[in-house]
């Protein structure tokens, strides 16, 4: 049975070193979607406006077979306040949280 590896690429990279044996690529796709949902449920607040979160599925040769990309795109035209201000405030908050985490370690 083929082995598939599910790695994420965002601020905190998670590398799957063990992999998961699955019968085929379709089973890997379903498993990747479930895993992405679990990870985003836990860390979804870390994906800011205009940022991309990515899960890559690869095989034992490290060839990326498919990716799941999640991007939060701000619809500035629909906002009553300037969208840049909203995105800027969110980015500033994330930077402050990162700095607090860094300084507490």
N, C-alpha and C. Protein backbone atom coordinates (compact mmCIF):
# COMPACT_ATOMS: atom_id res chain seq x y z
N UNK A 1 0.85 -1.18 0.00
CA UNK A 1 0.00 0.00 0.00
C UNK A 1 0.90 1.24 0.00
N UNK A 2 0.55 2.25 -0.83
CA UNK A 2 1.40 3.46 -0.89
C UNK A 2 1.33 4.26 0.41
N UNK A 3 2.43 4.98 0.67
CA UNK A 3 2.52 5.84 1.86
C UNK A 3 2.48 7.29 1.40
N UNK A 4 1.65 8.08 2.10
CA UNK A 4 1.49 9.50 1.77
C UNK A 4 1.90 10.33 2.98
N UNK A 5 2.48 11.49 2.70
CA UNK A 5 2.95 12.41 3.74
C UNK A 5 2.19 13.72 3.58
N UNK A 6 1.71 14.27 4.70
CA UNK A 6 0.93 15.50 4.69
C UNK A 6 1.70 16.57 5.46
N UNK A 7 2.23 17.55 4.73
CA UNK A 7 3.04 18.62 5.31
C UNK A 7 2.35 19.96 5.13
N UNK A 8 2.50 20.84 6.12
CA UNK A 8 1.91 22.18 6.00
C UNK A 8 3.00 23.21 5.77
N UNK A 9 2.58 24.28 5.13
CA UNK A 9 3.50 25.36 4.84
C UNK A 9 2.82 26.68 5.22
N UNK A 10 3.13 27.16 6.40
CA UNK A 10 2.63 28.45 6.87
C UNK A 10 3.66 29.00 7.84
N UNK A 11 3.26 29.83 8.78
CA UNK A 11 4.22 30.37 9.75
C UNK A 11 4.92 29.26 10.52
N UNK A 12 4.20 28.20 10.80
CA UNK A 12 4.76 27.07 11.53
C UNK A 12 4.65 25.84 10.65
N UNK A 13 5.78 25.39 10.11
CA UNK A 13 5.76 24.24 9.21
C UNK A 13 5.68 22.95 10.02
N UNK A 14 4.77 22.08 9.61
CA UNK A 14 4.64 20.77 10.23
C UNK A 14 4.99 19.73 9.18
N UNK A 15 6.01 18.93 9.46
CA UNK A 15 6.45 17.90 8.52
C UNK A 15 6.06 16.54 9.05
N UNK A 16 5.38 15.80 8.22
CA UNK A 16 4.93 14.45 8.52
C UNK A 16 6.09 13.51 8.23
N UNK A 17 6.73 13.00 9.27
CA UNK A 17 7.89 12.14 9.07
C UNK A 17 7.54 10.66 8.98
N UNK A 18 6.34 10.29 9.44
CA UNK A 18 5.93 8.89 9.40
C UNK A 18 5.11 8.56 8.17
N UNK A 19 4.24 9.45 7.77
CA UNK A 19 3.36 9.18 6.65
C UNK A 19 2.21 8.27 7.04
N UNK A 20 1.32 8.07 6.10
CA UNK A 20 0.14 7.24 6.32
C UNK A 20 -0.05 6.32 5.12
N UNK A 21 -0.21 5.06 5.38
CA UNK A 21 -0.47 4.12 4.29
C UNK A 21 -1.95 4.19 3.93
N UNK A 22 -2.21 4.42 2.66
CA UNK A 22 -3.57 4.52 2.15
C UNK A 22 -3.66 3.78 0.82
N UNK A 23 -4.84 3.28 0.47
CA UNK A 23 -4.95 2.45 -0.72
C UNK A 23 -4.66 3.15 -2.03
N UNK A 24 -5.01 4.46 -2.13
CA UNK A 24 -4.81 5.14 -3.42
C UNK A 24 -4.84 6.66 -3.23
N UNK A 25 -4.68 7.36 -4.34
CA UNK A 25 -4.63 8.82 -4.32
C UNK A 25 -5.95 9.44 -3.85
N UNK A 26 -7.07 8.83 -4.21
CA UNK A 26 -8.36 9.37 -3.78
C UNK A 26 -8.52 9.26 -2.25
N UNK A 27 -8.07 8.16 -1.68
CA UNK A 27 -8.10 8.00 -0.22
C UNK A 27 -7.18 9.03 0.43
N UNK A 28 -6.04 9.32 -0.20
CA UNK A 28 -5.12 10.34 0.32
C UNK A 28 -5.76 11.71 0.27
N UNK A 29 -6.50 11.99 -0.80
CA UNK A 29 -7.19 13.28 -0.92
C UNK A 29 -8.20 13.45 0.21
N UNK A 30 -8.99 12.42 0.46
CA UNK A 30 -9.98 12.50 1.53
C UNK A 30 -9.31 12.66 2.90
N UNK A 31 -8.24 11.92 3.14
CA UNK A 31 -7.52 12.02 4.41
C UNK A 31 -6.90 13.41 4.57
N UNK A 32 -6.37 13.96 3.49
CA UNK A 32 -5.75 15.29 3.54
C UNK A 32 -6.79 16.36 3.86
N UNK A 33 -7.97 16.24 3.29
CA UNK A 33 -9.03 17.22 3.57
C UNK A 33 -9.44 17.16 5.04
N UNK A 34 -9.59 15.95 5.56
CA UNK A 34 -9.94 15.81 6.99
C UNK A 34 -8.84 16.40 7.88
N UNK A 35 -7.58 16.08 7.56
CA UNK A 35 -6.45 16.57 8.35
C UNK A 35 -6.35 18.09 8.27
N UNK A 36 -6.54 18.66 7.07
CA UNK A 36 -6.51 20.12 6.92
C UNK A 36 -7.58 20.76 7.78
N UNK A 37 -8.77 20.16 7.81
CA UNK A 37 -9.85 20.68 8.64
C UNK A 37 -9.48 20.68 10.11
N UNK A 38 -8.85 19.61 10.57
CA UNK A 38 -8.43 19.53 11.98
C UNK A 38 -7.40 20.61 12.30
N UNK A 39 -6.40 20.76 11.43
CA UNK A 39 -5.35 21.75 11.67
C UNK A 39 -5.90 23.17 11.64
N UNK A 40 -6.78 23.45 10.69
CA UNK A 40 -7.35 24.80 10.59
C UNK A 40 -8.28 25.10 11.76
N UNK A 41 -8.94 24.09 12.27
CA UNK A 41 -9.80 24.28 13.43
C UNK A 41 -8.96 24.73 14.63
N UNK A 42 -7.77 24.16 14.75
CA UNK A 42 -6.88 24.49 15.87
C UNK A 42 -6.14 25.80 15.66
N UNK A 43 -5.71 26.07 14.43
CA UNK A 43 -4.83 27.22 14.20
C UNK A 43 -5.38 28.18 13.15
N UNK A 44 -6.65 28.09 12.86
CA UNK A 44 -7.23 28.93 11.83
C UNK A 44 -7.11 30.42 12.09
N UNK A 45 -7.08 30.81 13.34
CA UNK A 45 -6.97 32.24 13.65
C UNK A 45 -5.61 32.81 13.26
N UNK A 46 -4.65 31.95 13.01
CA UNK A 46 -3.32 32.44 12.62
C UNK A 46 -3.23 32.75 11.13
N UNK A 47 -4.26 32.41 10.35
CA UNK A 47 -4.28 32.72 8.92
C UNK A 47 -4.95 34.07 8.76
N UNK A 48 -4.16 35.07 8.40
CA UNK A 48 -4.68 36.43 8.29
C UNK A 48 -5.18 36.74 6.88
N UNK A 49 -5.70 37.95 6.73
CA UNK A 49 -6.15 38.39 5.42
C UNK A 49 -5.00 38.37 4.42
N UNK A 50 -5.29 37.90 3.22
CA UNK A 50 -4.33 37.83 2.11
C UNK A 50 -3.14 36.93 2.40
N UNK A 51 -3.30 36.02 3.31
CA UNK A 51 -2.27 35.02 3.59
C UNK A 51 -2.78 33.66 3.12
N UNK A 52 -1.84 32.78 2.81
CA UNK A 52 -2.21 31.45 2.33
C UNK A 52 -1.70 30.40 3.28
N UNK A 53 -2.56 29.47 3.61
CA UNK A 53 -2.20 28.29 4.38
C UNK A 53 -2.21 27.14 3.39
N UNK A 54 -1.24 26.25 3.49
CA UNK A 54 -1.13 25.19 2.49
C UNK A 54 -0.78 23.86 3.12
N UNK A 55 -1.44 22.82 2.64
CA UNK A 55 -1.10 21.45 2.99
C UNK A 55 -0.66 20.76 1.71
N UNK A 56 0.49 20.12 1.75
CA UNK A 56 1.03 19.42 0.58
C UNK A 56 1.04 17.92 0.86
N UNK A 57 0.55 17.15 -0.08
CA UNK A 57 0.59 15.69 0.02
C UNK A 57 1.68 15.19 -0.90
N UNK A 58 2.58 14.41 -0.34
CA UNK A 58 3.69 13.89 -1.14
C UNK A 58 3.82 12.38 -0.95
N UNK A 59 4.63 11.79 -1.82
CA UNK A 59 4.87 10.35 -1.74
C UNK A 59 6.23 10.08 -1.12
N UNK A 60 6.66 8.82 -1.12
CA UNK A 60 7.93 8.46 -0.49
C UNK A 60 9.14 9.04 -1.22
N UNK A 61 8.94 9.49 -2.47
CA UNK A 61 10.03 10.14 -3.23
C UNK A 61 10.04 11.65 -3.02
N UNK A 62 9.22 12.13 -2.09
CA UNK A 62 9.07 13.57 -1.80
C UNK A 62 8.47 14.36 -2.96
N UNK A 63 7.85 13.69 -3.90
CA UNK A 63 7.16 14.39 -4.98
C UNK A 63 5.81 14.87 -4.45
N UNK A 64 5.52 16.16 -4.62
CA UNK A 64 4.24 16.70 -4.18
C UNK A 64 3.18 16.25 -5.17
N UNK A 65 2.21 15.50 -4.67
CA UNK A 65 1.15 14.95 -5.52
C UNK A 65 -0.01 15.92 -5.69
N UNK A 66 -0.35 16.64 -4.62
CA UNK A 66 -1.39 17.66 -4.69
C UNK A 66 -1.25 18.57 -3.48
N UNK A 67 -1.90 19.72 -3.57
CA UNK A 67 -1.90 20.67 -2.46
C UNK A 67 -3.33 21.11 -2.16
N UNK A 68 -3.53 21.51 -0.93
CA UNK A 68 -4.77 22.15 -0.50
C UNK A 68 -4.36 23.55 -0.08
N UNK A 69 -4.88 24.56 -0.77
CA UNK A 69 -4.56 25.95 -0.48
C UNK A 69 -5.77 26.65 0.12
N UNK A 70 -5.56 27.35 1.23
CA UNK A 70 -6.61 28.15 1.85
C UNK A 70 -6.10 29.58 1.93
N UNK A 71 -6.83 30.49 1.30
CA UNK A 71 -6.45 31.89 1.34
C UNK A 71 -7.67 32.71 1.75
N UNK A 72 -7.47 33.61 2.71
CA UNK A 72 -8.53 34.49 3.16
C UNK A 72 -8.36 35.80 2.40
N UNK A 73 -9.30 36.07 1.51
CA UNK A 73 -9.22 37.27 0.68
C UNK A 73 -10.25 38.28 1.16
N UNK A 74 -9.77 39.45 1.49
CA UNK A 74 -10.61 40.52 1.99
C UNK A 74 -11.32 41.20 0.82
N UNK A 75 -12.64 41.30 0.88
CA UNK A 75 -13.43 41.99 -0.14
C UNK A 75 -13.56 43.45 0.28
N UNK A 76 -12.58 44.24 -0.09
CA UNK A 76 -12.54 45.64 0.35
C UNK A 76 -13.73 46.45 -0.13
N UNK A 77 -14.28 46.11 -1.28
CA UNK A 77 -15.40 46.87 -1.83
C UNK A 77 -16.64 46.74 -0.95
N UNK A 78 -16.77 45.63 -0.23
CA UNK A 78 -17.96 45.39 0.58
C UNK A 78 -17.85 45.95 1.98
N UNK A 79 -16.70 46.46 2.35
CA UNK A 79 -16.50 46.96 3.71
C UNK A 79 -16.87 48.44 3.81
N UNK A 80 -17.41 48.80 4.94
CA UNK A 80 -17.74 50.21 5.17
C UNK A 80 -16.53 50.99 5.67
N UNK A 81 -15.55 50.26 6.23
CA UNK A 81 -14.29 50.90 6.65
C UNK A 81 -13.23 50.48 5.65
N UNK A 82 -12.19 51.27 5.49
CA UNK A 82 -11.15 50.88 4.54
C UNK A 82 -10.58 49.51 4.88
N UNK A 83 -10.60 48.61 3.93
CA UNK A 83 -10.13 47.25 4.15
C UNK A 83 -8.68 47.19 4.57
N UNK A 84 -7.89 48.11 4.06
CA UNK A 84 -6.49 48.11 4.43
C UNK A 84 -6.33 48.31 5.92
N UNK A 85 -7.17 49.16 6.51
CA UNK A 85 -7.10 49.39 7.95
C UNK A 85 -7.40 48.11 8.71
N UNK A 86 -8.42 47.35 8.28
CA UNK A 86 -8.78 46.10 8.93
C UNK A 86 -7.63 45.11 8.83
N UNK A 87 -7.10 44.94 7.62
CA UNK A 87 -6.00 44.00 7.42
C UNK A 87 -4.76 44.45 8.19
N UNK A 88 -4.51 45.75 8.20
CA UNK A 88 -3.34 46.27 8.91
C UNK A 88 -3.46 46.02 10.41
N UNK A 89 -4.66 46.27 10.97
CA UNK A 89 -4.87 46.02 12.40
C UNK A 89 -4.67 44.54 12.74
N UNK A 90 -5.19 43.67 11.89
CA UNK A 90 -5.05 42.24 12.14
C UNK A 90 -3.58 41.84 12.08
N UNK A 91 -2.84 42.33 11.11
CA UNK A 91 -1.42 41.99 10.99
C UNK A 91 -0.65 42.51 12.19
N UNK A 92 -0.98 43.71 12.66
CA UNK A 92 -0.30 44.27 13.82
C UNK A 92 -0.56 43.43 15.06
N UNK A 93 -1.81 42.95 15.22
CA UNK A 93 -2.14 42.10 16.36
C UNK A 93 -1.36 40.79 16.30
N UNK A 94 -1.26 40.20 15.12
CA UNK A 94 -0.52 38.94 14.98
C UNK A 94 0.96 39.15 15.27
N UNK A 95 1.52 40.28 14.84
CA UNK A 95 2.92 40.58 15.11
C UNK A 95 3.15 40.73 16.60
N UNK A 96 2.24 41.42 17.28
CA UNK A 96 2.37 41.58 18.72
C UNK A 96 2.26 40.25 19.45
N UNK A 97 1.37 39.37 19.01
CA UNK A 97 1.24 38.04 19.62
C UNK A 97 2.51 37.24 19.42
N UNK A 98 3.09 37.32 18.22
CA UNK A 98 4.34 36.60 17.93
C UNK A 98 5.47 37.12 18.80
N UNK A 99 5.55 38.44 18.95
CA UNK A 99 6.59 39.04 19.78
C UNK A 99 6.43 38.63 21.24
N UNK A 100 5.19 38.57 21.72
CA UNK A 100 4.96 38.16 23.11
C UNK A 100 5.37 36.72 23.31
N UNK A 101 5.06 35.86 22.35
CA UNK A 101 5.45 34.46 22.43
C UNK A 101 6.96 34.32 22.41
N UNK A 102 7.62 35.08 21.53
CA UNK A 102 9.08 35.02 21.40
C UNK A 102 9.75 35.49 22.70
N UNK A 103 9.24 36.57 23.27
CA UNK A 103 9.85 37.12 24.48
C UNK A 103 9.59 36.28 25.71
N UNK A 104 8.50 35.50 25.70
CA UNK A 104 8.20 34.67 26.87
C UNK A 104 9.01 33.37 26.87
N UNK A 105 9.61 33.03 25.73
CA UNK A 105 10.43 31.80 25.66
C UNK A 105 11.80 32.11 26.02
